[in-house]
Protein backbone atom coordinates (compact mmCIF):
# COMPACT_ATOMS: atom_id res chain seq x y z
CA MET A 1 63.02 119.30 48.84
CA SER A 2 59.66 121.20 49.22
CA HIS A 3 58.38 122.08 52.95
CA THR A 4 54.53 121.79 52.30
CA PRO A 5 52.83 119.37 54.54
CA HIS A 6 51.81 116.80 52.98
CA GLU A 7 47.58 116.37 53.65
CA LEU A 8 45.80 113.87 53.31
CA VAL A 9 43.31 115.95 50.62
CA ASN A 10 46.72 116.49 48.53
CA GLU A 11 48.01 113.18 48.41
CA PHE A 12 44.91 111.67 47.27
CA PRO A 13 43.19 114.66 45.89
CA GLU A 14 40.92 112.12 43.60
CA HIS A 15 39.72 110.68 46.59
CA ALA A 16 38.69 113.44 48.90
CA ASP A 17 34.67 112.09 49.82
CA ARG A 18 36.03 108.96 50.37
CA ILE A 19 38.69 110.37 53.20
CA HIS A 20 35.77 112.02 54.39
CA THR A 21 32.96 109.25 54.52
CA LEU A 22 36.06 107.01 56.18
CA ARG A 23 36.98 109.46 58.50
CA LEU A 24 33.42 110.09 59.92
CA GLY A 25 32.43 106.37 60.24
CA ASN A 26 36.18 104.49 60.56
CA ALA A 27 38.02 104.31 63.91
CA HIS A 28 40.79 102.16 61.83
CA PHE A 29 40.84 104.46 59.51
CA VAL A 30 40.64 107.97 62.20
CA LYS A 31 43.43 106.88 64.41
CA LEU A 32 45.46 106.13 60.76
CA SER A 33 44.66 109.54 59.28
CA ASP A 34 45.65 110.75 62.55
CA GLN A 35 48.63 109.88 63.13
CA TYR A 36 49.52 110.65 60.26
CA HIS A 37 49.05 113.94 60.35
CA ALA A 38 50.73 113.85 63.73
CA VAL A 39 54.30 111.82 61.91
CA ASN A 40 53.49 114.73 59.18
CA ARG A 41 53.13 117.48 61.55
CA GLU A 42 56.24 116.83 63.08
CA ILE A 43 58.49 116.08 59.28
CA HIS A 44 57.40 119.58 59.13
CA ARG A 45 58.15 121.21 62.12
CA GLY A 46 61.72 119.23 61.44
CA GLU A 47 61.91 120.43 57.66
CA THR A 48 61.34 124.02 58.67
CA ASP A 49 63.83 123.85 61.81
CA ILE A 50 61.02 124.90 63.94
CA GLU A 51 61.58 121.63 65.87
CA PRO A 52 65.51 121.34 64.80
CA MET A 53 66.40 117.07 64.72
CA ASP A 54 69.03 115.19 63.46
CA ASP A 55 68.91 113.61 59.72
CA LEU A 56 68.40 109.74 60.93
CA HIS A 57 65.83 111.00 63.03
CA LEU A 58 63.61 112.84 60.30
CA GLU A 59 64.05 109.74 57.80
CA GLU A 60 62.58 107.44 60.25
CA LEU A 61 59.66 109.76 61.05
CA LYS A 62 59.49 109.45 57.18
CA LYS A 63 59.72 106.65 56.77
CA LYS A 64 56.78 105.99 58.86
CA ARG A 65 54.71 109.03 57.63
CA LEU A 66 55.02 106.09 54.44
CA ALA A 67 54.04 103.11 55.97
CA LEU A 68 50.90 104.77 57.01
CA LEU A 69 50.24 105.59 53.68
CA ASP A 70 50.53 102.10 52.83
CA GLN A 71 47.74 101.48 55.14
CA ILE A 72 45.45 104.62 54.58
CA THR A 73 45.90 103.52 50.74
CA GLU A 74 44.47 100.31 51.26
CA PHE A 75 41.53 101.84 52.62
CA LEU A 76 41.07 104.34 49.73
CA ASP A 77 41.28 101.46 47.13
């Protein structure tokens, strides 16, 4: 298991320019990406025991991150 945060630009390196453009001009995309980053940071803190959490909560956060990624992917396709 990697404890490296899953940043959007790392998840979609081929869409870095599109992500930047969407963050400048699409309020819904900004909201989704901000939520993704917040959940991602919380997962990272849990995985590295900076903020210990039980496995169930960590799995729920990972599912939420995947759901957000699905929504973000719709903007990038």
